[in-house]
């Protein structure tokens, strides 16, 4: 995010909160005539929309009127912890046979027949 954008957000908006990734959330102090208050996020590090956890996503997109509690919502035991998009990182999923995993995989099972033209 450009330095000027960050400065303008800090001057015209109030800080609402911070998530577990260090992203900061802001809302403008005044709404323009006929519009609602604008909401912003200043990302901690790389600007990547998938770094916004579900708790804050609802508030940021006006689905929720109030921001999530500081402790976060109570997660169900079937819910997983939020992860940002890992594509392009060393933690990205790579199936067996992927070039970056050695390029080899187990032989196909007996139910596979190679096609020969």
PDB file of N, CA and C in Angstrom:
ATOM      1  N   UNK A   1       0.856  -1.169   0.000  1.00  0.00           N
ATOM      2  CA  UNK A   1       0.000   0.000   0.000  1.00  0.00           C
ATOM      3  C   UNK A   1       0.902   1.232   0.000  1.00  0.00           C
ATOM      4  N   UNK A   2       0.530   2.212  -0.746  1.00  0.00           N
ATOM      5  CA  UNK A   2       1.334   3.418  -0.858  1.00  0.00           C
ATOM      6  C   UNK A   2       1.334   4.198   0.455  1.00  0.00           C
ATOM      7  N   UNK A   3       2.415   4.868   0.699  1.00  0.00           N
ATOM      8  CA  UNK A   3       2.577   5.656   1.916  1.00  0.00           C
ATOM      9  C   UNK A   3       1.491   6.719   2.033  1.00  0.00           C
ATOM     10  N   UNK A   4       1.164   7.369   0.923  1.00  0.00           N
ATOM     11  CA  UNK A   4       0.134   8.407   0.938  1.00  0.00           C
ATOM     12  C   UNK A   4      -1.234   7.825   1.313  1.00  0.00           C
ATOM     13  N   UNK A   5      -1.547   6.639   0.805  1.00  0.00           N
ATOM     14  CA  UNK A   5      -2.823   5.993   1.140  1.00  0.00           C
ATOM     15  C   UNK A   5      -2.889   5.682   2.628  1.00  0.00           C
ATOM     16  N   UNK A   6      -1.806   5.143   3.167  1.00  0.00           N
ATOM     17  CA  UNK A   6      -1.766   4.835   4.600  1.00  0.00           C
ATOM     18  C   UNK A   6      -1.957   6.096   5.436  1.00  0.00           C
ATOM     19  N   UNK A   7      -1.296   7.166   5.030  1.00  0.00           N
ATOM     20  CA  UNK A   7      -1.397   8.429   5.757  1.00  0.00           C
ATOM     21  C   UNK A   7      -2.825   8.968   5.718  1.00  0.00           C
ATOM     22  N   UNK A   8      -3.463   8.938   4.558  1.00  0.00           N
ATOM     23  CA  UNK A   8      -4.835   9.443   4.430  1.00  0.00           C
ATOM     24  C   UNK A   8      -5.818   8.614   5.260  1.00  0.00           C
ATOM     25  N   UNK A   9      -5.624   7.310   5.283  1.00  0.00           N
ATOM     26  CA  UNK A   9      -6.506   6.459   6.088  1.00  0.00           C
ATOM     27  C   UNK A   9      -6.357   6.810   7.558  1.00  0.00           C
ATOM     28  N   UNK A  10      -5.128   6.968   8.007  1.00  0.00           N
ATOM     29  CA  UNK A  10      -4.895   7.291   9.420  1.00  0.00           C
ATOM     30  C   UNK A  10      -5.448   8.671   9.793  1.00  0.00           C
ATOM     31  N   UNK A  11      -5.451   9.611   8.859  1.00  0.00           N
ATOM     32  CA  UNK A  11      -5.953  10.957   9.147  1.00  0.00           C
ATOM     33  C   UNK A  11      -7.475  11.043   9.105  1.00  0.00           C
ATOM     34  N   UNK A  12      -8.112  10.285   8.231  1.00  0.00           N
ATOM     35  CA  UNK A  12      -9.557  10.424   8.028  1.00  0.00           C
ATOM     36  C   UNK A  12     -10.387   9.317   8.662  1.00  0.00           C
ATOM     37  N   UNK A  13      -9.736   8.311   9.224  1.00  0.00           N
ATOM     38  CA  UNK A  13     -10.481   7.171   9.771  1.00  0.00           C
ATOM     39  C   UNK A  13     -10.011   6.864  11.187  1.00  0.00           C
ATOM     40  N   UNK A  14     -10.840   6.134  11.900  1.00  0.00           N
ATOM     41  CA  UNK A  14     -10.456   5.711  13.245  1.00  0.00           C
ATOM     42  C   UNK A  14     -10.146   4.223  13.234  1.00  0.00           C
ATOM     43  N   UNK A  15      -9.170   3.839  14.039  1.00  0.00           N
ATOM     44  CA  UNK A  15      -8.776   2.435  14.107  1.00  0.00           C
ATOM     45  C   UNK A  15      -9.842   1.661  14.869  1.00  0.00           C
ATOM     46  N   UNK A  16     -10.265   0.544  14.293  1.00  0.00           N
ATOM     47  CA  UNK A  16     -11.297  -0.287  14.896  1.00  0.00           C
ATOM     48  C   UNK A  16     -10.681  -1.472  15.628  1.00  0.00           C
ATOM     49  N   UNK A  17      -9.633  -2.051  15.049  1.00  0.00           N
ATOM     50  CA  UNK A  17      -9.009  -3.201  15.696  1.00  0.00           C
ATOM     51  C   UNK A  17      -7.892  -3.791  14.870  1.00  0.00           C
ATOM     52  N   UNK A  18      -7.321  -4.860  15.414  1.00  0.00           N
ATOM     53  CA  UNK A  18      -6.218  -5.580  14.786  1.00  0.00           C
ATOM     54  C   UNK A  18      -6.507  -7.072  14.884  1.00  0.00           C
ATOM     55  N   UNK A  19      -6.171  -7.827  13.838  1.00  0.00           N
ATOM     56  CA  UNK A  19      -6.377  -9.279  13.879  1.00  0.00           C
ATOM     57  C   UNK A  19      -5.097 -10.003  14.289  1.00  0.00           C
ATOM     58  N   UNK A  20      -5.165 -11.334  14.314  1.00  0.00           N
ATOM     59  CA  UNK A  20      -4.022 -12.144  14.757  1.00  0.00           C
ATOM     60  C   UNK A  20      -2.839 -12.099  13.804  1.00  0.00           C
ATOM     61  N   UNK A  21      -3.044 -11.631  12.578  1.00  0.00           N
ATOM     62  CA  UNK A  21      -1.950 -11.506  11.612  1.00  0.00           C
ATOM     63  C   UNK A  21      -1.295 -10.130  11.664  1.00  0.00           C
ATOM     64  N   UNK A  22      -1.832  -9.228  12.488  1.00  0.00           N
ATOM     65  CA  UNK A  22      -1.281  -7.882  12.586  1.00  0.00           C
ATOM     66  C   UNK A  22      -1.904  -6.898  11.616  1.00  0.00           C
ATOM     67  N   UNK A  23      -2.922  -7.320  10.867  1.00  0.00           N
ATOM     68  CA  UNK A  23      -3.628  -6.410   9.960  1.00  0.00           C
ATOM     69  C   UNK A  23      -4.444  -5.427  10.801  1.00  0.00           C
ATOM     70  N   UNK A  24      -4.477  -4.167  10.395  1.00  0.00           N
ATOM     71  CA  UNK A  24      -5.209  -3.138  11.129  1.00  0.00           C
ATOM     72  C   UNK A  24      -6.443  -2.726  10.336  1.00  0.00           C
ATOM     73  N   UNK A  25      -7.567  -2.559  11.047  1.00  0.00           N
ATOM     74  CA  UNK A  25      -8.841  -2.245  10.410  1.00  0.00           C
ATOM     75  C   UNK A  25      -9.305  -0.854  10.826  1.00  0.00           C
ATOM     76  N   UNK A  26      -9.792  -0.088   9.842  1.00  0.00           N
ATOM     77  CA  UNK A  26     -10.203   1.289  10.058  1.00  0.00           C
ATOM     78  C   UNK A  26     -11.577   1.533   9.456  1.00  0.00           C
ATOM     79  N   UNK A  27     -12.255   2.544  10.007  1.00  0.00           N
ATOM     80  CA  UNK A  27     -13.532   2.993   9.462  1.00  0.00           C
ATOM     81  C   UNK A  27     -13.504   4.518   9.438  1.00  0.00           C
ATOM     82  N   UNK A  28     -13.983   5.119   8.345  1.00  0.00           N
ATOM     83  CA  UNK A  28     -13.971   6.577   8.253  1.00  0.00           C
ATOM     84  C   UNK A  28     -14.814   7.180   9.367  1.00  0.00           C
ATOM     85  N   UNK A  29     -14.424   8.366   9.795  1.00  0.00           N
ATOM     86  CA  UNK A  29     -15.142   9.029  10.885  1.00  0.00           C
ATOM     87  C   UNK A  29     -16.527   9.505  10.432  1.00  0.00           C
ATOM     88  N   UNK A  30     -16.611   9.946   9.194  1.00  0.00           N
ATOM     89  CA  UNK A  30     -17.887  10.445   8.663  1.00  0.00           C
ATOM     90  C   UNK A  30     -18.207   9.721   7.359  1.00  0.00           C
ATOM     91  N   UNK A  31     -19.486   9.515   7.151  1.00  0.00           N
ATOM     92  CA  UNK A  31     -19.925   8.944   5.871  1.00  0.00           C
ATOM     93  C   UNK A  31     -20.219  10.086   4.912  1.00  0.00           C
ATOM     94  N   UNK A  32     -19.906   9.882   3.647  1.00  0.00           N
ATOM     95  CA  UNK A  32     -20.274  10.885   2.648  1.00  0.00           C
ATOM     96  C   UNK A  32     -21.787  10.880   2.503  1.00  0.00           C
ATOM     97  N   UNK A  33     -22.322  11.972   2.049  1.00  0.00           N
ATOM     98  CA  UNK A  33     -23.775  12.116   1.938  1.00  0.00           C
ATOM     99  C   UNK A  33     -24.376  10.986   1.093  1.00  0.00           C
ATOM    100  N   UNK A  34     -25.342  10.294   1.662  1.00  0.00           N
ATOM    101  CA  UNK A  34     -26.022   9.217   0.957  1.00  0.00           C
ATOM    102  C   UNK A  34     -25.236   7.910   0.905  1.00  0.00           C
ATOM    103  N   UNK A  35     -24.105   7.849   1.601  1.00  0.00           N
ATOM    104  CA  UNK A  35     -23.287   6.631   1.603  1.00  0.00           C
ATOM    105  C   UNK A  35     -23.036   6.184   3.035  1.00  0.00           C
ATOM    106  N   UNK A  36     -22.528   5.000   3.168  1.00  0.00           N
ATOM    107  CA  UNK A  36     -22.162   4.508   4.494  1.00  0.00           C
ATOM    108  C   UNK A  36     -20.675   4.771   4.731  1.00  0.00           C
ATOM    109  N   UNK A  37     -20.251   4.622   5.975  1.00  0.00           N
ATOM    110  CA  UNK A  37     -18.840   4.824   6.300  1.00  0.00           C
ATOM    111  C   UNK A  37     -18.000   3.782   5.571  1.00  0.00           C
ATOM    112  N   UNK A  38     -16.843   4.200   5.079  1.00  0.00           N
ATOM    113  CA  UNK A  38     -15.958   3.271   4.369  1.00  0.00           C
ATOM    114  C   UNK A  38     -15.099   2.525   5.369  1.00  0.00           C
ATOM    115  N   UNK A  39     -14.778   1.300   5.032  1.00  0.00           N
ATOM    116  CA  UNK A  39     -13.949   0.454   5.891  1.00  0.00           C
ATOM    117  C   UNK A  39     -12.692   0.053   5.139  1.00  0.00           C
ATOM    118  N   UNK A  40     -11.576   0.044   5.855  1.00  0.00           N
ATOM    119  CA  UNK A  40     -10.278  -0.224   5.241  1.00  0.00           C
ATOM    120  C   UNK A  40      -9.498  -1.239   6.058  1.00  0.00           C
ATOM    121  N   UNK A  41      -8.559  -1.888   5.390  1.00  0.00           N
ATOM    122  CA  UNK A  41      -7.593  -2.744   6.076  1.00  0.00           C
ATOM    123  C   UNK A  41      -6.202  -2.332   5.607  1.00  0.00           C
ATOM    124  N   UNK A  42      -5.286  -2.202   6.563  1.00  0.00           N
ATOM    125  CA  UNK A  42      -3.875  -1.996   6.248  1.00  0.00           C
ATOM    126  C   UNK A  42      -3.198  -3.306   6.612  1.00  0.00           C
ATOM    127  N   UNK A  43      -2.698  -3.999   5.597  1.00  0.00           N
ATOM    128  CA  UNK A  43      -2.118  -5.322   5.790  1.00  0.00           C
ATOM    129  C   UNK A  43      -0.764  -5.239   6.470  1.00  0.00           C
ATOM    130  N   UNK A  44      -0.490  -6.223   7.283  1.00  0.00           N
ATOM    131  CA  UNK A  44       0.821  -6.367   7.895  1.00  0.00           C
ATOM    132  C   UNK A  44       1.662  -7.193   6.931  1.00  0.00           C
ATOM    133  N   UNK A  45       2.598  -6.556   6.261  1.00  0.00           N
ATOM    134  CA  UNK A  45       3.418  -7.276   5.288  1.00  0.00           C
ATOM    135  C   UNK A  45       2.783  -7.235   3.914  1.00  0.00           C
ATOM    136  N   UNK A  46       2.859  -8.361   3.223  1.00  0.00           N
ATOM    137  CA  UNK A  46       2.372  -8.450   1.848  1.00  0.00           C
ATOM    138  C   UNK A  46       0.862  -8.214   1.775  1.00  0.00           C
ATOM    139  N   UNK A  47       0.446  -7.443   0.789  1.00  0.00           N
ATOM    140  CA  UNK A  47      -0.979  -7.172   0.581  1.00  0.00           C
ATOM    141  C   UNK A  47      -1.592  -8.395  -0.084  1.00  0.00           C
ATOM    142  N   UNK A  48      -2.403  -9.124   0.651  1.00  0.00           N
ATOM    143  CA  UNK A  48      -3.014 -10.364   0.169  1.00  0.00           C
ATOM    144  C   UNK A  48      -4.379 -10.496   0.837  1.00  0.00           C
ATOM    145  N   UNK A  49      -5.438 -10.429   0.050  1.00  0.00           N
ATOM    146  CA  UNK A  49      -6.801 -10.439   0.582  1.00  0.00           C
ATOM    147  C   UNK A  49      -7.111 -11.685   1.399  1.00  0.00           C
ATOM    148  N   UNK A  50      -6.472 -12.801   1.104  1.00  0.00           N
ATOM    149  CA  UNK A  50      -6.760 -14.030   1.851  1.00  0.00           C
ATOM    150  C   UNK A  50      -6.178 -13.987   3.263  1.00  0.00           C
ATOM    151  N   UNK A  51      -5.436 -12.935   3.599  1.00  0.00           N
ATOM    152  CA  UNK A  51      -4.911 -12.780   4.950  1.00  0.00           C
ATOM    153  C   UNK A  51      -5.959 -12.222   5.913  1.00  0.00           C
ATOM    154  N   UNK A  52      -7.129 -11.864   5.401  1.00  0.00           N
ATOM    155  CA  UNK A  52      -8.203 -11.361   6.258  1.00  0.00           C
ATOM    156  C   UNK A  52      -8.970 -12.559   6.805  1.00  0.00           C
ATOM    157  N   UNK A  53      -8.949 -12.774   8.130  1.00  0.00           N
ATOM    158  CA  UNK A  53      -9.680 -13.908   8.702  1.00  0.00           C
ATOM    159  C   UNK A  53     -11.199 -13.721   8.593  1.00  0.00           C
ATOM    160  N   UNK A  54     -11.918 -14.808   8.720  1.00  0.00           N
ATOM    161  CA  UNK A  54     -13.377 -14.786   8.578  1.00  0.00           C
ATOM    162  C   UNK A  54     -14.029 -13.840   9.580  1.00  0.00           C
ATOM    163  N   UNK A  55     -13.478 -13.752  10.791  1.00  0.00           N
ATOM    164  CA  UNK A  55     -14.033 -12.855  11.805  1.00  0.00           C
ATOM    165  C   UNK A  55     -14.121 -11.424  11.283  1.00  0.00           C
ATOM    166  N   UNK A  56     -13.074 -10.963  10.621  1.00  0.00           N
ATOM    167  CA  UNK A  56     -13.015  -9.590  10.131  1.00  0.00           C
ATOM    168  C   UNK A  56     -13.627  -9.439   8.747  1.00  0.00           C
ATOM    169  N   UNK A  57     -13.693 -10.495   7.980  1.00  0.00           N
ATOM    170  CA  UNK A  57     -14.235 -10.419   6.623  1.00  0.00           C
ATOM    171  C   UNK A  57     -15.680  -9.924   6.642  1.00  0.00           C
ATOM    172  N   UNK A  58     -16.473 -10.454   7.556  1.00  0.00           N
ATOM    173  CA  UNK A  58     -17.875 -10.045   7.659  1.00  0.00           C
ATOM    174  C   UNK A  58     -18.028  -8.563   7.955  1.00  0.00           C
ATOM    175  N   UNK A  59     -17.210  -8.048   8.857  1.00  0.00           N
ATOM    176  CA  UNK A  59     -17.275  -6.622   9.187  1.00  0.00           C
ATOM    177  C   UNK A  59     -16.796  -5.774   8.013  1.00  0.00           C
ATOM    178  N   UNK A  60     -15.705  -6.173   7.395  1.00  0.00           N
ATOM    179  CA  UNK A  60     -15.103  -5.412   6.301  1.00  0.00           C
ATOM    180  C   UNK A  60     -16.056  -5.271   5.113  1.00  0.00           C
ATOM    181  N   UNK A  61     -16.906  -6.278   4.886  1.00  0.00           N
ATOM    182  CA  UNK A  61     -17.832  -6.276   3.752  1.00  0.00           C
ATOM    183  C   UNK A  61     -19.267  -5.945   4.160  1.00  0.00           C
ATOM    184  N   UNK A  62     -19.435  -5.322   5.327  1.00  0.00           N
ATOM    185  CA  UNK A  62     -20.721  -4.824   5.816  1.00  0.00           C
ATOM    186  C   UNK A  62     -21.748  -5.925   6.072  1.00  0.00           C
ATOM    187  N   UNK A  63     -21.307  -7.161   6.232  1.00  0.00           N
ATOM    188  CA  UNK A  63     -22.225  -8.235   6.612  1.00  0.00           C
ATOM    189  C   UNK A  63     -22.531  -8.126   8.099  1.00  0.00           C
ATOM    190  N   UNK A  64     -21.527  -7.735   8.868  1.00  0.00           N
ATOM    191  CA  UNK A  64     -21.666  -7.507  10.307  1.00  0.00           C
ATOM    192  C   UNK A  64     -21.567  -6.010  10.567  1.00  0.00           C
ATOM    193  N   UNK A  65     -22.415  -5.504  11.442  1.00  0.00           N
ATOM    194  CA  UNK A  65     -22.380  -4.073  11.753  1.00  0.00           C
ATOM    195  C   UNK A  65     -21.298  -3.729  12.773  1.00  0.00           C
ATOM    196  N   UNK A  66     -21.024  -4.661  13.677  1.00  0.00           N
ATOM    197  CA  UNK A  66     -20.001  -4.399  14.693  1.00  0.00           C
ATOM    198  C   UNK A  66     -18.796  -5.301  14.445  1.00  0.00           C
ATOM    199  N   UNK A  67     -17.611  -4.815  14.801  1.00  0.00           N
ATOM    200  CA  UNK A  67     -16.406  -5.629  14.592  1.00  0.00           C
ATOM    201  C   UNK A  67     -16.409  -6.843  15.517  1.00  0.00           C
ATOM    202  N   UNK A  68     -15.608  -7.855  15.215  1.00  0.00           N
ATOM    203  CA  UNK A  68     -15.573  -9.037  16.072  1.00  0.00           C
ATOM    204  C   UNK A  68     -14.999  -8.698  17.442  1.00  0.00           C
ATOM    205  N   UNK A  69     -15.352  -9.479  18.470  1.00  0.00           N
ATOM    206  CA  UNK A  69     -14.782  -9.222  19.794  1.00  0.00           C
ATOM    207  C   UNK A  69     -13.264  -9.409  19.773  1.00  0.00           C
ATOM    208  N   UNK A  70     -12.571  -8.742  20.686  1.00  0.00           N
ATOM    209  CA  UNK A  70     -11.106  -8.823  20.716  1.00  0.00           C
ATOM    210  C   UNK A  70     -10.614 -10.255  20.893  1.00  0.00           C
ATOM    211  N   UNK A  71     -11.378 -11.062  21.591  1.00  0.00           N
ATOM    212  CA  UNK A  71     -10.993 -12.460  21.799  1.00  0.00           C
ATOM    213  C   UNK A  71     -11.360 -13.328  20.606  1.00  0.00           C
ATOM    214  N   UNK A  72     -12.084 -12.767  19.645  1.00  0.00           N
ATOM    215  CA  UNK A  72     -12.518 -13.535  18.483  1.00  0.00           C
ATOM    216  C   UNK A  72     -13.790 -14.305  18.805  1.00  0.00           C
ATOM    217  N   UNK A  73     -14.404 -14.832  17.781  1.00  0.00           N
ATOM    218  CA  UNK A  73     -15.600 -15.642  17.981  1.00  0.00           C
ATOM    219  C   UNK A  73     -15.198 -17.025  18.465  1.00  0.00           C
ATOM    220  N   UNK A  74     -16.097 -17.673  19.172  1.00  0.00           N
ATOM    221  CA  UNK A  74     -15.823 -19.029  19.645  1.00  0.00           C
ATOM    222  C   UNK A  74     -15.921 -19.970  18.449  1.00  0.00           C
ATOM    223  N   UNK A  75     -14.843 -20.682  18.195  1.00  0.00           N
ATOM    224  CA  UNK A  75     -14.790 -21.591  17.043  1.00  0.00           C
ATOM    225  C   UNK A  75     -15.395 -22.940  17.416  1.00  0.00           C
ATOM    226  N   UNK A  76     -16.078 -23.540  16.469  1.00  0.00           N
ATOM    227  CA  UNK A  76     -16.578 -24.897  16.661  1.00  0.00           C
ATOM    228  C   UNK A  76     -15.402 -25.861  16.537  1.00  0.00           C
ATOM    229  N   UNK A  77     -15.532 -27.048  17.116  1.00  0.00           N
ATOM    230  CA  UNK A  77     -14.421 -28.003  17.065  1.00  0.00           C
ATOM    231  C   UNK A  77     -14.153 -28.513  15.651  1.00  0.00           C
ATOM    232  N   UNK A  78     -15.102 -28.354  14.728  1.00  0.00           N
ATOM    233  CA  UNK A  78     -14.884 -28.802  13.356  1.00  0.00           C
ATOM    234  C   UNK A  78     -14.234 -27.730  12.489  1.00  0.00           C
ATOM    235  N   UNK A  79     -14.106 -26.516  12.997  1.00  0.00           N
ATOM    236  CA  UNK A  79     -13.506 -25.436  12.218  1.00  0.00           C
ATOM    237  C   UNK A  79     -11.986 -25.471  12.312  1.00  0.00           C
ATOM    238  N   UNK A  80     -11.345 -25.161  11.195  1.00  0.00           N
ATOM    239  CA  UNK A  80      -9.887 -25.086  11.174  1.00  0.00           C
ATOM    240  C   UNK A  80      -9.444 -23.649  11.387  1.00  0.00           C
ATOM    241  N   UNK A  81      -8.204 -23.500  11.832  1.00  0.00           N
ATOM    242  CA  UNK A  81      -7.635 -22.173  12.001  1.00  0.00           C
ATOM    243  C   UNK A  81      -7.419 -21.542  10.624  1.00  0.00           C
ATOM    244  N   UNK A  82      -7.617 -20.240  10.530  1.00  0.00           N
ATOM    245  CA  UNK A  82      -7.493 -19.542   9.245  1.00  0.00           C
ATOM    246  C   UNK A  82      -6.044 -19.496   8.784  1.00  0.00           C
ATOM    247  N   UNK A  83      -5.841 -19.793   7.509  1.00  0.00           N
ATOM    248  CA  UNK A  83      -4.525 -19.670   6.883  1.00  0.00           C
ATOM    249  C   UNK A  83      -4.662 -18.802   5.646  1.00  0.00           C
ATOM    250  N   UNK A  84      -3.699 -17.912   5.416  1.00  0.00           N
ATOM    251  CA  UNK A  84      -3.735 -17.155   4.163  1.00  0.00           C
ATOM    252  C   UNK A  84      -3.394 -18.061   2.991  1.00  0.00           C
ATOM    253  N   UNK A  85      -3.569 -17.578   1.788  1.00  0.00           N
ATOM    254  CA  UNK A  85      -3.256 -18.340   0.585  1.00  0.00           C
ATOM    255  C   UNK A  85      -1.761 -18.663   0.561  1.00  0.00           C
ATOM    256  N   UNK A  86      -1.419 -19.934   0.474  1.00  0.00           N
ATOM    257  CA  UNK A  86      -0.020 -20.359   0.518  1.00  0.00           C
ATOM    258  C   UNK A  86       0.568 -20.619  -0.862  1.00  0.00           C
ATOM    259  N   UNK A  87      -0.197 -20.360  -1.912  1.00  0.00           N
ATOM    260  CA  UNK A  87       0.302 -20.566  -3.267  1.00  0.00           C
ATOM    261  C   UNK A  87       1.545 -19.726  -3.497  1.00  0.00           C
ATOM    262  N   UNK A  88       2.568 -20.347  -4.069  1.00  0.00           N
ATOM    263  CA  UNK A  88       3.803 -19.635  -4.360  1.00  0.00           C
ATOM    264  C   UNK A  88       4.781 -19.596  -3.207  1.00  0.00           C
ATOM    265  N   UNK A  89       4.422 -20.197  -2.078  1.00  0.00           N
ATOM    266  CA  UNK A  89       5.333 -20.245  -0.943  1.00  0.00           C
ATOM    267  C   UNK A  89       5.860 -21.664  -0.786  1.00  0.00           C
ATOM    268  N   UNK A  90       6.829 -21.844   0.084  1.00  0.00           N
ATOM    269  CA  UNK A  90       7.364 -23.187   0.305  1.00  0.00           C
ATOM    270  C   UNK A  90       6.362 -24.084   1.038  1.00  0.00           C
ATOM    271  N   UNK A  91       5.302 -23.495   1.602  1.00  0.00           N
ATOM    272  CA  UNK A  91       4.293 -24.271   2.320  1.00  0.00           C
ATOM    273  C   UNK A  91       3.113 -24.678   1.432  1.00  0.00           C
ATOM    274  N   UNK A  92       3.143 -24.320   0.165  1.00  0.00           N
ATOM    275  CA  UNK A  92       2.054 -24.648  -0.754  1.00  0.00           C
ATOM    276  C   UNK A  92       1.954 -26.166  -0.927  1.00  0.00           C
ATOM    277  N   UNK A  93       0.734 -26.643  -1.162  1.00  0.00           N
ATOM    278  CA  UNK A  93       0.526 -28.073  -1.383  1.00  0.00           C
ATOM    279  C   UNK A  93       1.115 -28.473  -2.730  1.00  0.00           C
ATOM    280  N   UNK A  94       1.867 -29.547  -2.712  1.00  0.00           N
ATOM    281  CA  UNK A  94       2.420 -30.107  -3.953  1.00  0.00           C
ATOM    282  C   UNK A  94       2.165 -31.612  -3.925  1.00  0.00           C
ATOM    283  N   UNK A  95       1.418 -32.124  -4.879  1.00  0.00           N
ATOM    284  CA  UNK A  95       1.111 -33.550  -4.885  1.00  0.00           C
ATOM    285  C   UNK A  95       2.339 -34.384  -5.225  1.00  0.00           C
ATOM    286  N   UNK A  96       2.241 -35.668  -4.941  1.00  0.00           N
ATOM    287  CA  UNK A  96       3.327 -36.585  -5.294  1.00  0.00           C
ATOM    288  C   UNK A  96       3.564 -36.503  -6.794  1.00  0.00           C
ATOM    289  N   UNK A  97       4.815 -36.476  -7.201  1.00  0.00           N
ATOM    290  CA  UNK A  97       5.152 -36.369  -8.609  1.00  0.00           C
ATOM    291  C   UNK A  97       5.428 -34.943  -9.058  1.00  0.00           C
ATOM    292  N   UNK A  98       5.174 -33.973  -8.193  1.00  0.00           N
ATOM    293  CA  UNK A  98       5.439 -32.579  -8.538  1.00  0.00           C
ATOM    294  C   UNK A  98       6.944 -32.377  -8.691  1.00  0.00           C
ATOM    295  N   UNK A  99       7.347 -31.543  -9.622  1.00  0.00           N
ATOM    296  CA  UNK A  99       8.760 -31.294  -9.907  1.00  0.00           C
ATOM    297  C   UNK A  99       9.510 -30.869  -8.649  1.00  0.00           C
ATOM    298  N   UNK A 100       8.894 -30.036  -7.828  1.00  0.00           N
ATOM    299  CA  UNK A 100       9.561 -29.554  -6.620  1.00  0.00           C
ATOM    300  C   UNK A 100       9.550 -30.574  -5.486  1.00  0.00           C
ATOM    301  N   UNK A 101       8.915 -31.721  -5.703  1.00  0.00           N
ATOM    302  CA  UNK A 101       8.941 -32.810  -4.727  1.00  0.00           C
ATOM    303  C   UNK A 101       9.742 -33.990  -5.260  1.00  0.00           C
ATOM    304  N   UNK A 102      10.607 -33.762  -6.191  1.00  0.00           N
ATOM    305  CA  UNK A 102      11.443 -34.826  -6.729  1.00  0.00           C
ATOM    306  C   UNK A 102      10.969 -35.359  -8.063  1.00  0.00           C
ATOM    307  N   UNK A 103       9.744 -35.085  -8.449  1.00  0.00           N
ATOM    308  CA  UNK A 103       9.233 -35.487  -9.750  1.00  0.00           C
ATOM    309  C   UNK A 103       8.913 -36.963  -9.880  1.00  0.00           C
ATOM    310  N   UNK A 104       8.916 -37.701  -8.792  1.00  0.00           N
ATOM    311  CA  UNK A 104       8.612 -39.134  -8.857  1.00  0.00           C
ATOM    312  C   UNK A 104       7.419 -39.432  -7.977  1.00  0.00           C
ATOM    313  N   UNK A 105       6.642 -40.400  -8.406  1.00  0.00           N
ATOM    314  CA  UNK A 105       5.518 -40.853  -7.598  1.00  0.00           C
ATOM    315  C   UNK A 105       5.417 -42.359  -7.709  1.00  0.00           C
ATOM    316  N   UNK A 106       4.577 -42.941  -6.879  1.00  0.00           N
ATOM    317  CA  UNK A 106       4.408 -44.385  -6.885  1.00  0.00           C
ATOM    318  C   UNK A 106       3.806 -44.827  -8.212  1.00  0.00           C
ATOM    319  N   UNK A 107       4.088 -46.051  -8.590  1.00  0.00           N
ATOM    320  CA  UNK A 107       3.498 -46.627  -9.800  1.00  0.00           C
ATOM    321  C   UNK A 107       1.990 -46.664  -9.648  1.00  0.00           C
ATOM    322  N   UNK A 108       1.296 -46.537 -10.766  1.00  0.00           N
ATOM    323  CA  UNK A 108      -0.159 -46.601 -10.756  1.00  0.00           C
ATOM    324  C   UNK A 108      -0.606 -48.010 -10.378  1.00  0.00           C
ATOM    325  N   UNK A 109      -1.760 -48.098  -9.762  1.00  0.00           N
ATOM    326  CA  UNK A 109      -2.281 -49.403  -9.348  1.00  0.00           C
ATOM    327  C   UNK A 109      -2.776 -50.183 -10.560  1.00  0.00           C
ATOM    328  N   UNK A 110      -3.192 -51.408 -10.354  1.00  0.00           N
ATOM    329  CA  UNK A 110      -3.603 -52.295 -11.436  1.00  0.00           C
ATOM    330  C   UNK A 110      -4.839 -51.862 -12.188  1.00  0.00           C
ATOM    331  N   UNK A 111      -5.607 -50.914 -11.663  1.00  0.00           N
ATOM    332  CA  UNK A 111      -6.823 -50.502 -12.356  1.00  0.00           C
ATOM    333  C   UNK A 111      -6.549 -49.441 -13.425  1.00  0.00           C
ATOM    334  N   UNK A 112      -5.302 -49.130 -13.655  1.00  0.00           N
ATOM    335  CA  UNK A 112      -4.942 -48.105 -14.630  1.00  0.00           C
ATOM    336  C   UNK A 112      -4.368 -48.758 -15.878  1.00  0.00           C
ATOM    337  N   UNK A 113      -4.856 -48.352 -17.026  1.00  0.00           N
ATOM    338  CA  UNK A 113      -4.297 -48.828 -18.285  1.00  0.00           C
ATOM    339  C   UNK A 113      -3.870 -47.625 -19.105  1.00  0.00           C
ATOM    340  N   UNK A 114      -2.638 -47.643 -19.551  1.00  0.00           N
ATOM    341  CA  UNK A 114      -2.138 -46.543 -20.369  1.00  0.00           C
ATOM    342  C   UNK A 114      -2.832 -46.566 -21.723  1.00  0.00           C
ATOM    343  N   UNK A 115      -3.136 -45.407 -22.245  1.00  0.00           N
ATOM    344  CA  UNK A 115      -3.790 -45.298 -23.538  1.00  0.00           C
ATOM    345  C   UNK A 115      -2.724 -45.322 -24.620  1.00  0.00           C
ATOM    346  N   UNK A 116      -2.944 -46.150 -25.616  1.00  0.00           N
ATOM    347  CA  UNK A 116      -2.028 -46.186 -26.759  1.00  0.00           C
ATOM    348  C   UNK A 116      -2.836 -45.926 -28.018  1.00  0.00           C
ATOM    349  N   UNK A 117      -2.472 -44.938 -28.777  1.00  0.00           N
ATOM    350  CA  UNK A 117      -3.249 -44.589 -29.970  1.00  0.00           C
ATOM    351  C   UNK A 117      -3.094 -45.612 -31.081  1.00  0.00           C
TER     352      UNK A 117
END
